Structure formats: C-alpha cells, structure tokens
C-alpha cells in the first residue's frame, strides 16, 4: 500500500483522526496539506508529516466557506502540485435533545459535516480532472450514519448524508478515474470522544462493553484504512462504505 509522490489534502487535520490519517499517508510516501480552522492548529501535524521526509503545509481554512476552500486548494496547487487524494475528515458533534436543539446547532452540523464535503470535493476534482491522472476522495463517515442514537439528530443526519454523497459522487466521477469511498469509524479514542466523556454524554466503560472487541479504535487504525482505500490495492473499490467499529454495528443487542 504505497502512495509515493501523491499529493494529499486532509481536512480537520489538527488532531485526532485527522492527525492519524495525515501521518499514515506520510508514512506511505504522500505529501500532505493539513487543513484546520487556523493554520497554527495544524502545524504539529505538518511537522509530523515532515518527520517522515515528506512535504507538508499547514493551512487555515474554514471548510464550510467557499472562498476559503478555493484559496486553500489554490495554495496547495502552487506549492505541492495538483491534488491526488482528498480526505474529507473535518466534522463536529454537539449532542442536543430535539426540543432544545436550535437552528444554529442544525446548521453547524450541516455546514461542517456535509457542506464542507461538497466544497472540498468540488475544488479537488477540478484539479484532478485538469491533471488527467485520476484521483481519490475518501470521506470520513461514522457508524452513526447507519445507526441511530438519541440526542444526535444533527450528527446522525449529516453522516448519513455523507454516505449517500459518497455513492452519488462515485458513479458521477468514475469517468474521470476518480474513486470515491467512505471510511465509517465506530468509537475511536479521540479528543472529540474525550470531550463527550468529560461532559457526561457517554462513558468509556459503556462504549467498551457495547463493542464486541471490548475496546475503542485508534486514530492509527483509521489512518491505515484510509491508506488502503486510497491505494492501488483497492483500485476496483468505489462507492463503498468501509465500517471499522469493532463489531458494534453487527452486534444487535444492548
């Protein structure tokens, strides 16, 4: 599974899954543009990429803003070259009961988790089509795109949208030799999960007990999955949702 010389863009690259994915891509030969809300937030990830001997950029970009997305991808083209791989990882989760949920909460989930996929994919595909060498889009979904949980209307709906966007984009972009797939993690030990635990929204014990493998996943494991999906080892895979959840979805009991 090699990505030698490929130019990758990872959104939400400041920490957690984004950092794990960026490091995994660099370890297999990719140069990585690390996007975060502020450039300084992605500097540590960019430094980790450079430690593998690869080129890196730390770019400030609010991925739900079209002008900032355009500027970010223009910067990548100017410094690293045309994009070969986009990983749409940026996302937020703010669990809220329906009757307490605000329009702002709903819009935030749709903007960051869904609109960003549209904007970044469009920007990346323009470069891929112009370069004429194909490419890869890997969307980061969630098992909550397929499974329901209370108080997560915005998050579940947005991740379900990402899965179906993956299928639509896969069949539309196949003619350009651009593959589009989705990696849907279960519960992974990241800053987001730690925040939810800290806020009393969930507990590690409950998540581990409910998972057949009796543990949470790691960012490194998700990163390796992204590398596989983007590599030539998966050259016939497109429009696929790859679930990595320790058996959570398969297990039908509480």
C-alpha atoms as a PDB file:
ATOM      1  CA  UNK A   1       0.000   0.000   0.000  1.00  0.00           C
ATOM      2  CA  UNK A   2       2.151   2.843  -1.312  1.00  0.00           C
ATOM      3  CA  UNK A   3       1.253   6.437  -2.091  1.00  0.00           C
ATOM      4  CA  UNK A   4       4.695   7.575  -3.231  1.00  0.00           C
ATOM      5  CA  UNK A   5       4.672  11.121  -4.527  1.00  0.00           C
ATOM      6  CA  UNK A   6       0.921  11.610  -4.188  1.00  0.00           C
ATOM      7  CA  UNK A   7      -0.369  14.991  -3.044  1.00  0.00           C
ATOM      8  CA  UNK A   8      -2.992  14.638  -0.322  1.00  0.00           C
ATOM      9  CA  UNK A   9      -5.263  17.110   1.423  1.00  0.00           C
ATOM     10  CA  UNK A  10      -6.643  16.217   4.859  1.00  0.00           C
ATOM     11  CA  UNK A  11      -9.311  18.414   6.428  1.00  0.00           C
ATOM     12  CA  UNK A  12      -9.726  18.624  10.191  1.00  0.00           C
ATOM     13  CA  UNK A  13      -6.048  17.757  10.470  1.00  0.00           C
ATOM     14  CA  UNK A  14      -5.202  19.482  13.741  1.00  0.00           C
ATOM     15  CA  UNK A  15      -5.675  16.426  15.965  1.00  0.00           C
ATOM     16  CA  UNK A  16      -7.449  13.108  16.460  1.00  0.00           C
ATOM     17  CA  UNK A  17      -8.429  11.222  13.335  1.00  0.00           C
ATOM     18  CA  UNK A  18      -7.104  13.956  11.069  1.00  0.00           C
ATOM     19  CA  UNK A  19      -3.624  13.797  12.513  1.00  0.00           C
ATOM     20  CA  UNK A  20      -3.620   9.990  12.486  1.00  0.00           C
ATOM     21  CA  UNK A  21      -4.676   9.976   8.836  1.00  0.00           C
ATOM     22  CA  UNK A  22      -2.096  12.581   7.828  1.00  0.00           C
ATOM     23  CA  UNK A  23       0.702  10.617   9.494  1.00  0.00           C
ATOM     24  CA  UNK A  24      -0.443   7.360   7.898  1.00  0.00           C
ATOM     25  CA  UNK A  25      -0.436   8.966   4.451  1.00  0.00           C
ATOM     26  CA  UNK A  26       3.034  10.436   5.002  1.00  0.00           C
ATOM     27  CA  UNK A  27       4.380   7.086   6.197  1.00  0.00           C
ATOM     28  CA  UNK A  28       3.488   5.574   2.825  1.00  0.00           C
ATOM     29  CA  UNK A  29       5.013   8.341   0.726  1.00  0.00           C
ATOM     30  CA  UNK A  30       2.404  11.097   0.337  1.00  0.00           C
ATOM     31  CA  UNK A  31       2.933  14.824   0.688  1.00  0.00           C
ATOM     32  CA  UNK A  32       0.162  16.273   2.848  1.00  0.00           C
ATOM     33  CA  UNK A  33      -1.621  19.606   3.075  1.00  0.00           C
ATOM     34  CA  UNK A  34      -3.079  19.763   6.579  1.00  0.00           C
ATOM     35  CA  UNK A  35      -6.189  21.927   6.830  1.00  0.00           C
ATOM     36  CA  UNK A  36      -7.553  23.241  10.105  1.00  0.00           C
ATOM     37  CA  UNK A  37      -9.641  26.217  11.155  1.00  0.00           C
ATOM     38  CA  UNK A  38      -6.405  28.096  11.870  1.00  0.00           C
ATOM     39  CA  UNK A  39      -3.040  27.310  10.311  1.00  0.00           C
ATOM     40  CA  UNK A  40      -1.279  27.214  13.675  1.00  0.00           C
ATOM     41  CA  UNK A  41      -3.595  24.424  14.804  1.00  0.00           C
ATOM     42  CA  UNK A  42      -2.253  22.189  12.021  1.00  0.00           C
ATOM     43  CA  UNK A  43       1.438  22.992  12.494  1.00  0.00           C
ATOM     44  CA  UNK A  44       2.149  19.993  14.734  1.00  0.00           C
ATOM     45  CA  UNK A  45       0.539  17.648  12.231  1.00  0.00           C
ATOM     46  CA  UNK A  46       2.534  19.211   9.399  1.00  0.00           C
ATOM     47  CA  UNK A  47       5.720  18.768  11.443  1.00  0.00           C
ATOM     48  CA  UNK A  48       4.842  15.094  11.964  1.00  0.00           C
ATOM     49  CA  UNK A  49       4.442  14.699   8.196  1.00  0.00           C
ATOM     50  CA  UNK A  50       7.839  16.294   7.583  1.00  0.00           C
ATOM     51  CA  UNK A  51       9.384  13.886  10.079  1.00  0.00           C
ATOM     52  CA  UNK A  52       8.621  11.158   7.536  1.00  0.00           C
ATOM     53  CA  UNK A  53      10.634  13.075   4.949  1.00  0.00           C
ATOM     54  CA  UNK A  54       7.569  14.328   3.107  1.00  0.00           C
ATOM     55  CA  UNK A  55       6.491  17.826   2.144  1.00  0.00           C
ATOM     56  CA  UNK A  56       3.733  19.395   4.235  1.00  0.00           C
ATOM     57  CA  UNK A  57       1.637  22.516   4.524  1.00  0.00           C
ATOM     58  CA  UNK A  58      -0.412  23.838   7.434  1.00  0.00           C
ATOM     59  CA  UNK A  59      -3.333  25.816   6.036  1.00  0.00           C
ATOM     60  CA  UNK A  60      -6.021  27.762   7.858  1.00  0.00           C
ATOM     61  CA  UNK A  61      -9.381  27.097   6.230  1.00  0.00           C
ATOM     62  CA  UNK A  62     -12.959  27.084   7.421  1.00  0.00           C
ATOM     63  CA  UNK A  63     -14.058  24.273   5.146  1.00  0.00           C
ATOM     64  CA  UNK A  64     -17.687  25.391   5.098  1.00  0.00           C
ATOM     65  CA  UNK A  65     -16.666  28.713   3.464  1.00  0.00           C
ATOM     66  CA  UNK A  66     -16.322  28.512  -0.320  1.00  0.00           C
ATOM     67  CA  UNK A  67     -13.846  31.387  -0.654  1.00  0.00           C
ATOM     68  CA  UNK A  68     -11.525  29.896   1.957  1.00  0.00           C
ATOM     69  CA  UNK A  69     -11.714  26.456   0.353  1.00  0.00           C
ATOM     70  CA  UNK A  70     -10.826  27.926  -3.041  1.00  0.00           C
ATOM     71  CA  UNK A  71      -7.866  29.796  -1.557  1.00  0.00           C
ATOM     72  CA  UNK A  72      -6.631  26.710   0.286  1.00  0.00           C
ATOM     73  CA  UNK A  73      -6.684  24.488  -2.792  1.00  0.00           C
ATOM     74  CA  UNK A  74      -5.026  27.190  -4.886  1.00  0.00           C
ATOM     75  CA  UNK A  75      -2.241  27.300  -2.300  1.00  0.00           C
ATOM     76  CA  UNK A  76      -1.819  23.519  -2.428  1.00  0.00           C
ATOM     77  CA  UNK A  77      -1.599  23.576  -6.228  1.00  0.00           C
ATOM     78  CA  UNK A  78       1.021  26.338  -6.137  1.00  0.00           C
ATOM     79  CA  UNK A  79       3.259  24.688  -3.521  1.00  0.00           C
ATOM     80  CA  UNK A  80       2.733  20.920  -3.720  1.00  0.00           C
ATOM     81  CA  UNK A  81       1.097  20.407  -7.104  1.00  0.00           C
ATOM     82  CA  UNK A  82      -2.258  19.071  -8.228  1.00  0.00           C
ATOM     83  CA  UNK A  83      -4.230  17.147  -5.613  1.00  0.00           C
ATOM     84  CA  UNK A  84      -4.305  13.344  -5.995  1.00  0.00           C
ATOM     85  CA  UNK A  85      -6.123  12.486  -2.772  1.00  0.00           C
ATOM     86  CA  UNK A  86      -8.652  14.320  -0.625  1.00  0.00           C
ATOM     87  CA  UNK A  87      -9.674  13.082   2.799  1.00  0.00           C
ATOM     88  CA  UNK A  88     -12.825  14.860   3.987  1.00  0.00           C
ATOM     89  CA  UNK A  89     -12.336  14.379   7.711  1.00  0.00           C
ATOM     90  CA  UNK A  90     -13.477  17.694   9.261  1.00  0.00           C
ATOM     91  CA  UNK A  91     -16.504  17.236  11.464  1.00  0.00           C
ATOM     92  CA  UNK A  92     -18.249  18.262  14.657  1.00  0.00           C
ATOM     93  CA  UNK A  93     -20.701  16.681  17.070  1.00  0.00           C
ATOM     94  CA  UNK A  94     -22.811  18.632  19.552  1.00  0.00           C
ATOM     95  CA  UNK A  95     -25.393  16.219  21.031  1.00  0.00           C
ATOM     96  CA  UNK A  96     -28.622  18.019  21.937  1.00  0.00           C
ATOM     97  CA  UNK A  97     -32.185  16.831  22.671  1.00  0.00           C
ATOM     98  CA  UNK A  98     -34.619  17.650  19.875  1.00  0.00           C
ATOM     99  CA  UNK A  99     -36.704  20.124  21.878  1.00  0.00           C
ATOM    100  CA  UNK A 100     -33.607  22.013  22.998  1.00  0.00           C
ATOM    101  CA  UNK A 101     -31.964  21.964  19.578  1.00  0.00           C
ATOM    102  CA  UNK A 102     -31.537  25.309  17.843  1.00  0.00           C
ATOM    103  CA  UNK A 103     -31.442  26.183  14.181  1.00  0.00           C
ATOM    104  CA  UNK A 104     -27.815  27.169  14.710  1.00  0.00           C
ATOM    105  CA  UNK A 105     -26.986  23.681  16.031  1.00  0.00           C
ATOM    106  CA  UNK A 106     -28.598  22.070  12.982  1.00  0.00           C
ATOM    107  CA  UNK A 107     -26.867  24.431  10.550  1.00  0.00           C
ATOM    108  CA  UNK A 108     -23.475  23.875  12.178  1.00  0.00           C
ATOM    109  CA  UNK A 109     -23.705  20.097  11.667  1.00  0.00           C
ATOM    110  CA  UNK A 110     -24.847  20.513   8.064  1.00  0.00           C
ATOM    111  CA  UNK A 111     -22.206  23.119   7.242  1.00  0.00           C
ATOM    112  CA  UNK A 112     -19.156  21.460   8.790  1.00  0.00           C
ATOM    113  CA  UNK A 113     -20.071  17.802   8.221  1.00  0.00           C
ATOM    114  CA  UNK A 114     -21.832  17.991   4.835  1.00  0.00           C
ATOM    115  CA  UNK A 115     -21.327  21.279   3.007  1.00  0.00           C
ATOM    116  CA  UNK A 116     -17.563  21.004   3.507  1.00  0.00           C
ATOM    117  CA  UNK A 117     -17.542  17.660   1.685  1.00  0.00           C
ATOM    118  CA  UNK A 118     -19.266  19.256  -1.292  1.00  0.00           C
ATOM    119  CA  UNK A 119     -16.979  22.301  -1.386  1.00  0.00           C
ATOM    120  CA  UNK A 120     -13.684  20.476  -0.863  1.00  0.00           C
ATOM    121  CA  UNK A 121     -14.575  17.664  -3.256  1.00  0.00           C
ATOM    122  CA  UNK A 122     -15.518  20.146  -5.955  1.00  0.00           C
ATOM    123  CA  UNK A 123     -12.219  22.005  -5.524  1.00  0.00           C
ATOM    124  CA  UNK A 124     -10.180  18.791  -5.546  1.00  0.00           C
ATOM    125  CA  UNK A 125     -11.974  17.284  -8.541  1.00  0.00           C
ATOM    126  CA  UNK A 126     -11.342  20.400 -10.615  1.00  0.00           C
ATOM    127  CA  UNK A 127      -7.613  19.835 -10.131  1.00  0.00           C
ATOM    128  CA  UNK A 128      -7.822  16.070 -10.649  1.00  0.00           C
ATOM    129  CA  UNK A 129      -9.804  16.437 -13.873  1.00  0.00           C
ATOM    130  CA  UNK A 130      -7.372  19.056 -15.195  1.00  0.00           C
ATOM    131  CA  UNK A 131      -4.348  16.868 -14.359  1.00  0.00           C
ATOM    132  CA  UNK A 132      -5.948  13.886 -16.083  1.00  0.00           C
ATOM    133  CA  UNK A 133      -4.419  11.194 -13.894  1.00  0.00           C
ATOM    134  CA  UNK A 134      -7.464  10.229 -11.843  1.00  0.00           C
ATOM    135  CA  UNK A 135      -7.610  10.518  -8.089  1.00  0.00           C
ATOM    136  CA  UNK A 136      -9.192   9.500  -4.840  1.00  0.00           C
ATOM    137  CA  UNK A 137     -11.723  11.010  -2.471  1.00  0.00           C
ATOM    138  CA  UNK A 138     -12.069   9.389   0.959  1.00  0.00           C
ATOM    139  CA  UNK A 139     -14.900  10.698   3.121  1.00  0.00           C
ATOM    140  CA  UNK A 140     -14.834  10.042   6.840  1.00  0.00           C
ATOM    141  CA  UNK A 141     -18.302   8.981   7.921  1.00  0.00           C
ATOM    142  CA  UNK A 142     -19.448   7.300  11.108  1.00  0.00           C
ATOM    143  CA  UNK A 143     -21.393   4.276  12.261  1.00  0.00           C
ATOM    144  CA  UNK A 144     -23.998   6.858  13.271  1.00  0.00           C
ATOM    145  CA  UNK A 145     -24.631   7.369   9.583  1.00  0.00           C
ATOM    146  CA  UNK A 146     -26.263   3.924   9.720  1.00  0.00           C
ATOM    147  CA  UNK A 147     -27.192   3.543  13.396  1.00  0.00           C
ATOM    148  CA  UNK A 148     -29.451   5.861  15.376  1.00  0.00           C
ATOM    149  CA  UNK A 149     -28.736   7.364  18.777  1.00  0.00           C
ATOM    150  CA  UNK A 150     -30.861   9.776  20.825  1.00  0.00           C
ATOM    151  CA  UNK A 151     -29.952  13.445  21.011  1.00  0.00           C
ATOM    152  CA  UNK A 152     -27.775  13.234  17.898  1.00  0.00           C
ATOM    153  CA  UNK A 153     -30.184  14.338  15.180  1.00  0.00           C
ATOM    154  CA  UNK A 154     -27.758  16.765  13.566  1.00  0.00           C
ATOM    155  CA  UNK A 155     -24.782  14.431  13.663  1.00  0.00           C
ATOM    156  CA  UNK A 156     -26.594  11.268  12.540  1.00  0.00           C
ATOM    157  CA  UNK A 157     -28.354  13.062   9.707  1.00  0.00           C
ATOM    158  CA  UNK A 158     -25.167  14.702   8.493  1.00  0.00           C
ATOM    159  CA  UNK A 159     -23.203  11.446   8.489  1.00  0.00           C
ATOM    160  CA  UNK A 160     -25.986   9.627   6.652  1.00  0.00           C
ATOM    161  CA  UNK A 161     -25.773  12.386   4.056  1.00  0.00           C
ATOM    162  CA  UNK A 162     -22.011  11.856   3.727  1.00  0.00           C
ATOM    163  CA  UNK A 163     -22.541   8.167   2.991  1.00  0.00           C
ATOM    164  CA  UNK A 164     -25.045   8.850   0.225  1.00  0.00           C
ATOM    165  CA  UNK A 165     -22.924  11.667  -1.183  1.00  0.00           C
ATOM    166  CA  UNK A 166     -20.145   9.093  -1.450  1.00  0.00           C
ATOM    167  CA  UNK A 167     -22.278   6.847  -3.652  1.00  0.00           C
ATOM    168  CA  UNK A 168     -23.509   9.678  -5.886  1.00  0.00           C
ATOM    169  CA  UNK A 169     -20.002  11.081  -6.353  1.00  0.00           C
ATOM    170  CA  UNK A 170     -18.552   7.638  -7.049  1.00  0.00           C
ATOM    171  CA  UNK A 171     -20.789   6.972 -10.019  1.00  0.00           C
ATOM    172  CA  UNK A 172     -20.518  10.522 -11.361  1.00  0.00           C
ATOM    173  CA  UNK A 173     -16.729  10.753 -11.143  1.00  0.00           C
ATOM    174  CA  UNK A 174     -15.835   7.249 -12.316  1.00  0.00           C
ATOM    175  CA  UNK A 175     -15.482   8.501 -15.895  1.00  0.00           C
ATOM    176  CA  UNK A 176     -12.561  10.643 -14.723  1.00  0.00           C
ATOM    177  CA  UNK A 177     -10.927   7.652 -12.978  1.00  0.00           C
ATOM    178  CA  UNK A 178     -11.655   9.289  -9.634  1.00  0.00           C
ATOM    179  CA  UNK A 179     -12.669   6.803  -6.945  1.00  0.00           C
ATOM    180  CA  UNK A 180     -14.854   7.924  -4.031  1.00  0.00           C
ATOM    181  CA  UNK A 181     -15.223   5.853  -0.866  1.00  0.00           C
ATOM    182  CA  UNK A 182     -16.162   6.357   2.765  1.00  0.00           C
ATOM    183  CA  UNK A 183     -14.451   5.069   5.900  1.00  0.00           C
ATOM    184  CA  UNK A 184     -17.003   4.918   8.724  1.00  0.00           C
ATOM    185  CA  UNK A 185     -15.371   4.537  12.148  1.00  0.00           C
ATOM    186  CA  UNK A 186     -17.053   3.373  15.289  1.00  0.00           C
ATOM    187  CA  UNK A 187     -15.949   4.795  18.609  1.00  0.00           C
ATOM    188  CA  UNK A 188     -12.314   5.877  18.431  1.00  0.00           C
ATOM    189  CA  UNK A 189     -10.361   7.390  21.295  1.00  0.00           C
ATOM    190  CA  UNK A 190     -10.008  10.993  20.132  1.00  0.00           C
ATOM    191  CA  UNK A 191     -10.306  14.460  21.634  1.00  0.00           C
ATOM    192  CA  UNK A 192     -13.938  14.568  20.496  1.00  0.00           C
ATOM    193  CA  UNK A 193     -14.824  11.415  22.443  1.00  0.00           C
ATOM    194  CA  UNK A 194     -12.839  12.622  25.443  1.00  0.00           C
ATOM    195  CA  UNK A 195     -14.863  15.844  25.421  1.00  0.00           C
ATOM    196  CA  UNK A 196     -18.152  13.936  25.289  1.00  0.00           C
ATOM    197  CA  UNK A 197     -16.996  11.754  28.187  1.00  0.00           C
ATOM    198  CA  UNK A 198     -15.902  14.811  30.154  1.00  0.00           C
ATOM    199  CA  UNK A 199     -19.296  16.434  29.544  1.00  0.00           C
ATOM    200  CA  UNK A 200     -21.100  13.338  30.818  1.00  0.00           C
ATOM    201  CA  UNK A 201     -22.602  12.461  27.416  1.00  0.00           C
ATOM    202  CA  UNK A 202     -21.092   8.947  27.491  1.00  0.00           C
ATOM    203  CA  UNK A 203     -18.587   6.768  29.365  1.00  0.00           C
ATOM    204  CA  UNK A 204     -15.642   4.715  28.163  1.00  0.00           C
ATOM    205  CA  UNK A 205     -16.889   1.726  30.155  1.00  0.00           C
ATOM    206  CA  UNK A 206     -20.255   1.719  28.389  1.00  0.00           C
ATOM    207  CA  UNK A 207     -18.699   2.062  24.932  1.00  0.00           C
ATOM    208  CA  UNK A 208     -16.182  -0.722  25.553  1.00  0.00           C
ATOM    209  CA  UNK A 209     -18.826  -3.037  26.994  1.00  0.00           C
ATOM    210  CA  UNK A 210     -21.110  -2.487  23.980  1.00  0.00           C
ATOM    211  CA  UNK A 211     -18.259  -3.144  21.482  1.00  0.00           C
ATOM    212  CA  UNK A 212     -17.677  -6.885  20.840  1.00  0.00           C
ATOM    213  CA  UNK A 213     -13.899  -6.374  20.675  1.00  0.00           C
ATOM    214  CA  UNK A 214     -14.164  -4.672  24.097  1.00  0.00           C
ATOM    215  CA  UNK A 215     -12.083  -1.637  23.199  1.00  0.00           C
ATOM    216  CA  UNK A 216     -12.195   1.612  21.279  1.00  0.00           C
ATOM    217  CA  UNK A 217     -10.392   2.058  17.978  1.00  0.00           C
ATOM    218  CA  UNK A 218      -7.322   4.213  17.404  1.00  0.00           C
ATOM    219  CA  UNK A 219      -6.585   7.032  15.000  1.00  0.00           C
ATOM    220  CA  UNK A 220      -3.692   4.987  13.595  1.00  0.00           C
ATOM    221  CA  UNK A 221      -6.081   2.158  12.678  1.00  0.00           C
ATOM    222  CA  UNK A 222      -8.377   4.549  10.829  1.00  0.00           C
ATOM    223  CA  UNK A 223      -5.342   6.052   9.089  1.00  0.00           C
ATOM    224  CA  UNK A 224      -4.260   2.639   7.811  1.00  0.00           C
ATOM    225  CA  UNK A 225      -7.746   2.016   6.458  1.00  0.00           C
ATOM    226  CA  UNK A 226      -7.651   5.317   4.568  1.00  0.00           C
ATOM    227  CA  UNK A 227      -4.278   4.392   3.086  1.00  0.00           C
ATOM    228  CA  UNK A 228      -5.655   1.071   1.848  1.00  0.00           C
ATOM    229  CA  UNK A 229      -8.767   2.633   0.316  1.00  0.00           C
ATOM    230  CA  UNK A 230      -6.656   5.272  -1.466  1.00  0.00           C
ATOM    231  CA  UNK A 231      -4.003   2.833  -2.690  1.00  0.00           C
ATOM    232  CA  UNK A 232      -3.858   0.765  -5.875  1.00  0.00           C
ATOM    233  CA  UNK A 233      -4.557  -2.295  -3.716  1.00  0.00           C
ATOM    234  CA  UNK A 234      -8.169  -1.055  -3.691  1.00  0.00           C
ATOM    235  CA  UNK A 235      -8.232   0.030  -7.341  1.00  0.00           C
ATOM    236  CA  UNK A 236     -11.614  -1.639  -8.051  1.00  0.00           C
ATOM    237  CA  UNK A 237     -13.330  -0.164  -4.981  1.00  0.00           C
ATOM    238  CA  UNK A 238     -15.583   2.853  -5.405  1.00  0.00           C
ATOM    239  CA  UNK A 239     -18.875   3.910  -3.848  1.00  0.00           C
ATOM    240  CA  UNK A 240     -18.111   1.688  -0.850  1.00  0.00           C
ATOM    241  CA  UNK A 241     -18.707   2.364   2.850  1.00  0.00           C
ATOM    242  CA  UNK A 242     -15.981   0.664   4.907  1.00  0.00           C
ATOM    243  CA  UNK A 243     -17.074   0.233   8.535  1.00  0.00           C
ATOM    244  CA  UNK A 244     -14.420  -0.103  11.248  1.00  0.00           C
ATOM    245  CA  UNK A 245     -16.240  -0.397  14.553  1.00  0.00           C
ATOM    246  CA  UNK A 246     -15.005  -3.417  16.494  1.00  0.00           C
ATOM    247  CA  UNK A 247     -18.243  -5.247  15.696  1.00  0.00           C
ATOM    248  CA  UNK A 248     -20.575  -2.540  17.060  1.00  0.00           C
ATOM    249  CA  UNK A 249     -22.925  -2.475  14.054  1.00  0.00           C
ATOM    250  CA  UNK A 250     -23.028  -6.266  13.677  1.00  0.00           C
ATOM    251  CA  UNK A 251     -23.987  -6.739  17.333  1.00  0.00           C
ATOM    252  CA  UNK A 252     -27.765  -6.402  17.553  1.00  0.00           C
ATOM    253  CA  UNK A 253     -28.220  -6.476  21.341  1.00  0.00           C
ATOM    254  CA  UNK A 254     -27.759  -3.888  24.037  1.00  0.00           C
END
